[in-house]
Amino acid sequence: MSRGSSALIDLRTVIADHIYGHVGNKPAPTALTLSPTGRIETLHSALLAEDNRPIFDASGCTILPGFVDVHIHGSDGSDCMDATSEALANISRFIATRGVTAFLATTMTAPAAPTLEAVRNAARVNPDELPGARLLGVHLEGPFLSPEFPGAQPIEYVRDPDLAELEELLNAGPVKLITLAPERPGAAALIDVARRHGVRLVMGHTAADYDEAIAAIDRGVLQATHTFNAMTGLHHRKPGVVGAVLSDDRVFAQLIADNIHVHPAVMKVLARCKGADLTLLTTDAIRAAGLPEGDTELGGQPVTVKDGACRLPDGTLAGSILTMDLALRNFLSASGWTLAEAWPVTSRAAATALGLNHEIGVLAPGYRADLVILDDKLEVVATVVGGKLVYVREGEEARVKK
């Protein structure tokens, strides 16, 4: 199975040199036994007796909990706003080749009708039937943002919070995350309604000052979208949203670690302030991810991809072509952390932020068998979703022992 394959193989046992994300005492296990239901059965220090179950030989590799991307618009030519099952399947397939085992389909600020259709489309998809990464639900990035910090969100569609529109969206499909500007009129009421429905709130594209940001955190807005980007910055007399995010231990900080949105030195500051449990790597990837550089689009706007950056005609950054495996490598380089210290930023932090840390983001008995297997360069060798081997890098097929 090479890049992009949709074939699935039952996988029951994995051997590896290093396993991170396990719960238990040292020494670290070198093998996992997976159940027929796609859950982790046991972790152990040596391969158990032969029982005729398929084995993936991960010798020379490292196993991590599968990557979780809570902010991705698209990849490989598809966008979540295409509102087709084919688009979500294509995104699912591609990001699995980069180690992602679960994701939130992220919308753009747009008129009400296409946003509603994107949410309905997510509701029509069976997450367990996608060819790669599992769909966890929808992340609404907007439309309830600040016109002062639209970023690449089309400003003509930015609007203040509307409870009737929110109710329609929540009734349409699995909305799990909403990015909003908490200082806008009506935001407090919308936050309260969304929380009653179990939706997590994120501050982003916001002109809030420090006090307004803290008030939003007190109200339950416990994440920040692409920290540092499209929000009020840190000044020693005006801490802004960035100051609130860096200093408040209740807040998860999403980070686009592409070395373009945020300088590596600033990533290091974030890492020191938030730690691995509150730093949450995302890609903010658009349909151009995985494709050659050139012209593309985002939310109906022309975008040019050049030298790794996606920009509108006026130079505004417009998402990224980042993948989660590269984000991890960039973050390790910037932070100076070891993989043993940093691994939660790609999985457990996101799982906790979403309230799913009882099911994903950890390698322990009873948890979903969502795994990414990396070589010594931290490049993806194979990806397992729910106990199914959904991707094996070309040339590595012989690792599957039946």
Protein backbone atom coordinates (compact mmCIF):
# COMPACT_ATOMS: atom_id res chain seq x y z
CA MET A 1 0.00 0.00 0.00
CA SER A 2 1.70 3.17 -1.14
CA ARG A 3 0.79 6.81 -0.71
CA GLY A 4 -2.90 7.42 -1.29
CA SER A 5 -3.98 3.77 -1.11
CA SER A 6 -7.46 3.21 0.28
CA ALA A 7 -6.93 -0.48 1.08
CA LEU A 8 -7.40 -1.51 4.69
CA ILE A 9 -5.70 -4.39 6.51
CA ASP A 10 -6.68 -5.77 9.91
CA LEU A 11 -3.79 -5.11 12.24
CA ARG A 12 -3.53 -6.80 15.62
CA THR A 13 0.08 -6.56 16.83
CA VAL A 14 2.82 -3.95 16.41
CA ILE A 15 6.47 -4.17 17.45
CA ALA A 16 8.68 -1.07 17.78
CA ASP A 17 11.92 0.24 19.21
CA HIS A 18 10.20 3.17 20.96
CA ILE A 19 6.59 3.82 21.93
CA TYR A 20 5.50 7.20 23.25
CA GLY A 21 2.11 8.02 24.65
CA HIS A 22 1.71 4.92 26.77
CA VAL A 23 0.31 5.01 30.28
CA GLY A 24 2.30 2.98 32.75
CA ASN A 25 5.68 2.55 34.35
CA LYS A 26 9.04 2.27 32.66
CA PRO A 27 10.56 0.47 30.89
CA ALA A 28 8.65 1.57 27.85
CA PRO A 29 6.81 -1.21 26.00
CA THR A 30 8.07 -2.40 22.66
CA ALA A 31 4.86 -4.02 21.45
CA LEU A 32 1.12 -3.38 21.33
CA THR A 33 -1.64 -5.91 20.88
CA LEU A 34 -4.72 -4.56 19.15
CA SER A 35 -8.20 -6.01 19.44
CA PRO A 36 -10.48 -6.94 16.52
CA THR A 37 -12.64 -3.93 17.49
CA GLY A 38 -9.84 -1.47 16.78
CA ARG A 39 -8.88 -0.80 20.40
CA ILE A 40 -5.58 -1.29 22.20
CA GLU A 41 -5.60 -4.55 24.15
CA THR A 42 -2.21 -4.64 25.85
CA LEU A 43 1.22 -3.02 25.88
CA HIS A 44 4.19 -5.23 26.69
CA SER A 45 7.96 -5.34 26.63
CA ALA A 46 8.29 -8.18 24.13
CA LEU A 47 6.26 -9.79 21.38
CA LEU A 48 3.83 -12.32 22.81
CA ALA A 49 3.66 -15.93 21.74
CA GLU A 50 2.78 -16.53 18.12
CA ASP A 51 -0.99 -16.51 17.71
CA ASN A 52 -1.39 -16.22 13.93
CA ARG A 53 -2.41 -12.60 14.10
CA PRO A 54 -0.98 -10.10 11.57
CA ILE A 55 2.10 -8.22 12.72
CA PHE A 56 3.58 -4.94 11.53
CA ASP A 57 7.31 -5.02 12.16
CA ALA A 58 8.21 -1.47 13.21
CA SER A 59 11.83 -2.25 14.06
CA GLY A 60 13.93 0.91 13.87
CA CYS A 61 10.80 3.03 14.18
CA THR A 62 8.96 5.04 16.81
CA ILE A 63 5.24 4.78 17.52
CA LEU A 64 3.18 7.78 18.62
CA PRO A 65 -0.54 8.28 19.14
CA GLY A 66 -1.97 9.30 15.77
CA PHE A 67 -1.86 13.00 14.98
CA VAL A 68 -5.05 15.01 15.53
CA ASP A 69 -5.59 18.13 13.39
CA VAL A 70 -8.40 20.34 14.69
CA HIS A 71 -7.90 23.09 12.10
CA ILE A 72 -7.64 21.98 8.48
CA HIS A 73 -9.56 23.41 5.53
CA GLY A 74 -8.35 20.99 2.90
CA SER A 75 -5.52 19.27 1.05
CA ASP A 76 -4.65 17.43 -2.16
CA GLY A 77 -7.02 19.57 -4.24
CA SER A 78 -10.07 19.31 -1.96
CA ASP A 79 -11.65 21.72 0.53
CA CYS A 80 -14.19 21.11 3.28
CA MET A 81 -16.32 23.90 1.79
CA ASP A 82 -16.68 21.82 -1.39
CA ALA A 83 -19.37 20.09 0.70
CA THR A 84 -19.01 16.71 -1.01
CA SER A 85 -18.30 13.28 0.39
CA GLU A 86 -15.54 12.95 -2.19
CA ALA A 87 -13.75 16.02 -0.82
CA LEU A 88 -13.77 14.73 2.75
CA ALA A 89 -12.63 11.29 1.60
CA ASN A 90 -9.76 12.81 -0.37
CA ILE A 91 -8.65 14.94 2.57
CA SER A 92 -8.93 11.92 4.89
CA ARG A 93 -6.81 9.80 2.57
CA PHE A 94 -4.08 12.38 2.05
CA ILE A 95 -3.58 13.49 5.64
CA ALA A 96 -3.31 9.86 6.76
CA THR A 97 -0.14 9.68 4.65
CA ARG A 98 1.20 12.40 6.94
CA GLY A 99 0.27 10.61 10.16
CA VAL A 100 -3.12 12.19 10.91
CA THR A 101 -5.67 9.77 12.32
CA ALA A 102 -8.44 12.25 13.27
CA PHE A 103 -9.44 15.72 12.10
CA LEU A 104 -12.05 18.45 12.25
CA ALA A 105 -13.31 19.67 8.87
CA THR A 106 -12.80 23.42 9.08
CA THR A 107 -15.07 25.91 7.33
CA MET A 108 -14.35 29.39 5.97
CA THR A 109 -16.33 32.53 6.67
CA ALA A 110 -19.00 32.50 3.96
CA PRO A 111 -22.69 33.20 3.44
CA ALA A 112 -25.04 31.15 5.60
CA ALA A 113 -26.11 28.67 2.91
CA PRO A 114 -22.72 27.22 1.89
CA THR A 115 -21.60 27.04 5.51
CA LEU A 116 -24.76 25.15 6.40
CA GLU A 117 -24.22 22.75 3.49
CA ALA A 118 -20.64 22.05 4.59
CA VAL A 119 -21.92 21.11 8.05
CA ARG A 120 -24.68 18.94 6.56
CA ASN A 121 -22.13 17.24 4.36
CA ALA A 122 -20.07 16.28 7.41
CA ALA A 123 -23.21 14.84 8.99
CA ARG A 124 -23.79 12.62 5.94
CA VAL A 125 -20.33 11.03 6.17
CA ASN A 126 -19.76 7.90 8.22
CA PRO A 127 -16.45 8.73 9.94
CA ASP A 128 -15.48 5.08 10.18
CA GLU A 129 -15.90 4.54 6.44
CA LEU A 130 -13.43 7.22 5.35
CA PRO A 131 -10.30 5.79 3.70
CA GLY A 132 -7.83 7.41 6.10
CA ALA A 133 -8.13 9.81 9.02
CA ARG A 134 -11.41 9.72 10.95
CA LEU A 135 -13.69 12.76 10.85
CA LEU A 136 -14.37 14.03 14.38
CA GLY A 137 -16.77 16.76 13.30
CA VAL A 138 -16.72 20.37 12.14
CA HIS A 139 -14.69 23.38 13.21
CA LEU A 140 -16.50 26.60 12.32
CA GLU A 141 -13.82 29.23 11.73
CA GLY A 142 -16.21 32.14 11.64
CA PRO A 143 -18.36 33.76 10.51
CA PHE A 144 -18.57 35.46 13.93
CA LEU A 145 -15.21 37.20 13.74
CA SER A 146 -13.81 40.72 14.08
CA PRO A 147 -13.75 42.85 10.93
CA GLU A 148 -10.53 44.36 12.34
CA PHE A 149 -8.68 41.02 12.13
CA PRO A 150 -10.20 39.10 9.21
CA GLY A 151 -6.92 37.61 8.02
CA ALA A 152 -7.80 35.67 4.88
CA GLN A 153 -11.46 35.33 5.87
CA PRO A 154 -13.60 37.26 3.32
CA ILE A 155 -14.50 40.40 5.24
CA GLU A 156 -17.77 40.87 3.34
CA TYR A 157 -19.12 37.74 5.06
CA VAL A 158 -17.85 38.47 8.57
CA ARG A 159 -20.81 39.14 10.84
CA ASP A 160 -21.71 39.44 14.50
CA PRO A 161 -22.97 36.42 16.45
CA ASP A 162 -26.50 35.35 15.59
CA LEU A 163 -28.23 32.79 17.81
CA ALA A 164 -30.71 31.75 15.14
CA GLU A 165 -27.89 31.01 12.70
CA LEU A 166 -25.99 29.14 15.39
CA GLU A 167 -28.98 26.94 16.23
CA GLU A 168 -29.44 26.07 12.57
CA LEU A 169 -25.78 25.08 12.27
CA LEU A 170 -25.84 23.02 15.45
CA ASN A 171 -28.95 21.20 14.28
CA ALA A 172 -27.40 20.53 10.87
CA GLY A 173 -24.43 18.45 11.90
CA PRO A 174 -21.53 17.65 14.23
CA VAL A 175 -20.19 21.11 15.10
CA LYS A 176 -17.47 20.53 17.71
CA LEU A 177 -15.44 23.75 17.67
CA ILE A 178 -16.24 27.40 16.93
CA THR A 179 -13.66 30.14 16.43
CA LEU A 180 -15.11 33.56 17.23
CA ALA A 181 -14.18 37.06 18.33
CA PRO A 182 -15.45 37.09 21.93
CA GLU A 183 -15.63 40.88 22.17
CA ARG A 184 -18.27 41.25 19.45
CA PRO A 185 -21.89 42.12 20.32
CA GLY A 186 -23.85 38.97 21.09
CA ALA A 187 -20.76 36.80 21.57
CA ALA A 188 -21.39 36.13 25.28
CA ALA A 189 -24.86 34.74 24.62
CA LEU A 190 -23.59 32.63 21.73
CA ILE A 191 -20.80 31.21 23.89
CA ASP A 192 -23.32 30.18 26.53
CA VAL A 193 -25.62 28.47 24.02
CA ALA A 194 -22.75 26.69 22.27
CA ARG A 195 -21.37 25.39 25.56
CA ARG A 196 -24.78 24.02 26.53
CA HIS A 197 -24.64 22.01 23.32
CA GLY A 198 -21.20 20.64 24.22
CA VAL A 199 -19.35 22.75 21.65
CA ARG A 200 -15.83 23.99 22.47
CA LEU A 201 -15.08 27.68 21.89
CA VAL A 202 -11.90 29.22 20.48
CA MET A 203 -10.87 32.87 20.34
CA GLY A 204 -9.45 33.95 17.02
CA HIS A 205 -9.61 36.70 14.42
CA THR A 206 -10.22 38.93 17.41
CA ALA A 207 -9.57 42.54 18.40
CA ALA A 208 -10.19 41.80 22.09
CA ASP A 209 -7.97 43.46 24.65
CA TYR A 210 -6.47 41.55 27.57
CA ASP A 211 -9.41 42.09 29.92
CA GLU A 212 -11.92 41.05 27.26
CA ALA A 213 -9.87 37.94 26.53
CA ILE A 214 -9.74 36.99 30.22
CA ALA A 215 -13.51 37.55 30.49
CA ALA A 216 -13.98 35.18 27.55
CA ILE A 217 -11.74 32.58 29.19
CA ASP A 218 -13.77 32.90 32.38
CA ARG A 219 -16.87 32.26 30.27
CA GLY A 220 -15.41 29.08 28.79
CA VAL A 221 -13.43 30.07 25.68
CA LEU A 222 -10.44 27.85 26.37
CA GLN A 223 -8.54 27.72 23.08
CA ALA A 224 -6.84 30.21 20.79
CA THR A 225 -6.86 29.86 17.00
CA HIS A 226 -3.44 30.10 15.28
CA THR A 227 -1.88 31.86 18.26
CA PHE A 228 -0.15 35.16 17.41
CA ASN A 229 -1.92 35.40 14.05
CA ALA A 230 -5.09 37.53 13.60
CA MET A 231 -5.31 38.68 17.22
CA THR A 232 -4.12 41.55 19.39
CA GLY A 233 -0.43 41.10 20.16
CA LEU A 234 1.69 41.26 23.27
CA HIS A 235 2.82 44.69 24.47
CA HIS A 236 4.28 45.29 27.92
CA ARG A 237 1.46 47.72 28.80
CA LYS A 238 -1.22 46.15 26.59
CA PRO A 239 -0.95 42.37 26.89
CA GLY A 240 -3.74 41.72 24.39
CA VAL A 241 -5.10 38.31 23.50
CA VAL A 242 -1.57 36.93 23.14
CA GLY A 243 -0.76 37.98 26.69
CA ALA A 244 -3.91 36.28 27.98
CA VAL A 245 -3.16 33.07 26.08
CA LEU A 246 0.47 32.88 27.20
CA SER A 247 -0.25 33.62 30.85
CA ASP A 248 -3.46 31.68 31.52
CA ASP A 249 -3.04 27.97 32.20
CA ARG A 250 -6.64 27.26 31.26
CA VAL A 251 -6.04 28.02 27.58
CA PHE A 252 -4.86 25.67 24.83
CA ALA A 253 -2.76 27.48 22.23
CA GLN A 254 -3.15 26.31 18.64
CA LEU A 255 0.04 26.87 16.65
CA ILE A 256 0.80 26.74 12.91
CA ALA A 257 4.41 25.53 13.09
CA ASP A 258 5.39 26.17 9.47
CA ASN A 259 8.14 28.72 10.25
CA ILE A 260 6.13 31.24 8.22
CA HIS A 261 3.15 32.14 10.40
CA VAL A 262 5.32 32.21 13.55
CA HIS A 263 9.08 32.65 13.85
CA PRO A 264 10.86 29.69 15.46
CA ALA A 265 12.08 31.90 18.34
CA VAL A 266 8.47 32.83 19.11
CA MET A 267 7.47 29.16 18.96
CA LYS A 268 10.09 28.57 21.65
CA VAL A 269 8.53 31.28 23.81
CA LEU A 270 5.12 29.67 23.36
CA ALA A 271 6.51 26.25 24.24
CA ARG A 272 8.04 27.60 27.44
CA CYS A 273 4.85 29.39 28.44
CA LYS A 274 2.32 26.67 27.62
CA GLY A 275 4.20 23.38 27.86
CA ALA A 276 3.38 20.27 25.88
CA ASP A 277 -0.04 19.75 27.45
CA LEU A 278 -1.41 23.15 26.36
CA THR A 279 0.37 23.56 23.01
CA LEU A 280 -1.68 22.21 20.14
CA LEU A 281 -0.16 21.90 16.67
CA THR A 282 -2.51 22.47 13.73
CA THR A 283 -1.92 22.96 10.01
CA ASP A 284 -4.60 25.42 8.83
CA ALA A 285 -3.92 23.66 5.53
CA ILE A 286 -5.83 24.57 2.37
CA ARG A 287 -6.55 22.57 -0.79
CA ALA A 288 -3.05 23.34 -2.10
CA ALA A 289 -1.38 21.15 0.54
CA GLY A 290 0.27 18.21 -1.18
CA LEU A 291 0.17 19.88 -4.63
CA PRO A 292 2.84 21.76 -6.61
CA GLU A 293 3.20 25.46 -5.86
CA GLY A 294 1.24 27.91 -7.99
CA ASP A 295 -2.23 29.44 -8.10
CA THR A 296 -5.14 28.10 -6.05
CA GLU A 297 -8.09 29.51 -4.10
CA LEU A 298 -9.48 29.81 -0.59
CA GLY A 299 -13.07 30.81 0.09
CA GLY A 300 -13.44 31.95 -3.51
CA GLN A 301 -10.38 34.21 -3.25
CA PRO A 302 -7.30 33.81 -5.46
CA VAL A 303 -4.27 32.50 -3.56
CA THR A 304 -0.70 32.04 -4.74
CA VAL A 305 1.56 29.45 -3.18
CA LYS A 306 5.23 30.38 -3.44
CA ASP A 307 8.23 29.43 -1.31
CA GLY A 308 5.97 27.47 1.01
CA ALA A 309 3.67 30.41 1.80
CA CYS A 310 0.03 30.85 0.74
CA ARG A 311 -0.91 34.48 0.14
CA LEU A 312 -3.79 36.59 -1.13
CA PRO A 313 -2.97 39.14 -3.85
CA ASP A 314 -2.39 41.79 -1.13
CA GLY A 315 0.19 39.57 0.60
CA THR A 316 -2.04 38.38 3.46
CA LEU A 317 -1.24 34.84 4.59
CA ALA A 318 -4.08 32.51 3.56
CA GLY A 319 -3.75 29.24 5.42
CA SER A 320 -0.83 26.95 4.74
CA ILE A 321 0.43 23.87 2.92
CA LEU A 322 1.76 22.47 6.19
CA THR A 323 1.35 18.83 7.16
CA MET A 324 1.35 17.55 10.74
CA ASP A 325 4.54 15.49 10.43
CA LEU A 326 6.45 18.55 9.24
CA ALA A 327 4.83 20.67 11.95
CA LEU A 328 6.21 18.27 14.55
CA ARG A 329 9.71 18.38 13.09
CA ASN A 330 9.63 22.19 12.92
CA PHE A 331 8.37 22.45 16.48
CA LEU A 332 11.07 20.12 17.82
CA SER A 333 13.72 22.21 16.10
CA ALA A 334 12.27 25.49 17.39
CA SER A 335 11.60 24.40 20.96
CA GLY A 336 14.71 22.32 21.51
CA TRP A 337 12.53 19.66 23.12
CA THR A 338 13.04 15.95 22.69
CA LEU A 339 10.33 13.82 21.11
CA ALA A 340 9.70 12.30 24.54
CA GLU A 341 8.88 15.80 25.82
CA ALA A 342 7.00 17.09 22.79
CA TRP A 343 4.84 14.25 21.50
CA PRO A 344 1.59 15.44 23.21
CA VAL A 345 1.47 18.57 21.01
CA THR A 346 0.32 16.47 18.04
CA SER A 347 -2.26 14.31 19.80
CA ARG A 348 -2.95 14.31 23.54
CA ALA A 349 -3.28 18.10 23.80
CA ALA A 350 -5.88 18.15 21.02
CA ALA A 351 -7.72 15.17 22.49
CA THR A 352 -7.88 16.89 25.87
CA ALA A 353 -8.97 20.20 24.36
CA LEU A 354 -11.84 18.40 22.61
CA GLY A 355 -12.82 16.34 25.64
CA LEU A 356 -11.79 13.12 23.88
CA ASN A 357 -8.77 12.22 25.99
CA HIS A 358 -10.62 9.17 27.29
CA GLU A 359 -10.61 7.72 23.77
CA ILE A 360 -7.72 9.08 21.66
CA GLY A 361 -4.36 10.76 22.13
CA VAL A 362 -2.93 8.10 24.45
CA LEU A 363 -1.68 4.55 23.88
CA ALA A 364 -3.32 2.54 26.63
CA PRO A 365 -5.64 -0.47 26.92
CA GLY A 366 -9.17 0.45 25.89
CA TYR A 367 -8.15 3.46 23.79
CA ARG A 368 -8.66 3.57 20.03
CA ALA A 369 -5.78 2.03 18.13
CA ASP A 370 -4.89 5.23 16.28
CA LEU A 371 -1.14 5.18 15.66
CA VAL A 372 1.53 6.82 13.55
CA ILE A 373 4.78 4.95 12.94
CA LEU A 374 7.81 7.16 12.25
CA ASP A 375 11.33 6.45 11.03
CA ASP A 376 14.47 7.90 12.57
CA LYS A 377 13.94 11.14 10.62
CA LEU A 378 10.38 11.40 12.01
CA GLU A 379 8.89 10.81 8.59
CA VAL A 380 5.76 8.67 8.33
CA VAL A 381 6.28 4.97 7.64
CA ALA A 382 2.71 3.85 8.37
CA THR A 383 -0.58 5.04 9.84
CA VAL A 384 -3.14 2.97 11.74
CA VAL A 385 -6.72 4.20 12.29
CA GLY A 386 -8.97 2.19 14.57
CA GLY A 387 -6.75 -0.86 14.25
CA LYS A 388 -6.72 -0.69 10.47
CA LEU A 389 -3.51 -0.11 8.54
CA VAL A 390 -4.60 2.69 6.20
CA TYR A 391 -1.20 3.76 4.90
CA VAL A 392 2.21 2.17 4.39
CA ARG A 393 4.97 4.14 2.73
CA GLU A 394 6.03 2.79 -0.64
CA GLY A 395 8.84 0.28 -0.22
CA GLU A 396 7.85 -0.64 3.35
CA GLU A 397 5.17 -3.23 2.52
CA ALA A 398 7.39 -6.11 3.63
CA ARG A 399 6.98 -4.93 7.24
CA VAL A 400 3.50 -6.49 7.25
CA LYS A 401 3.87 -10.08 8.46
CA LYS A 402 0.84 -12.31 8.08
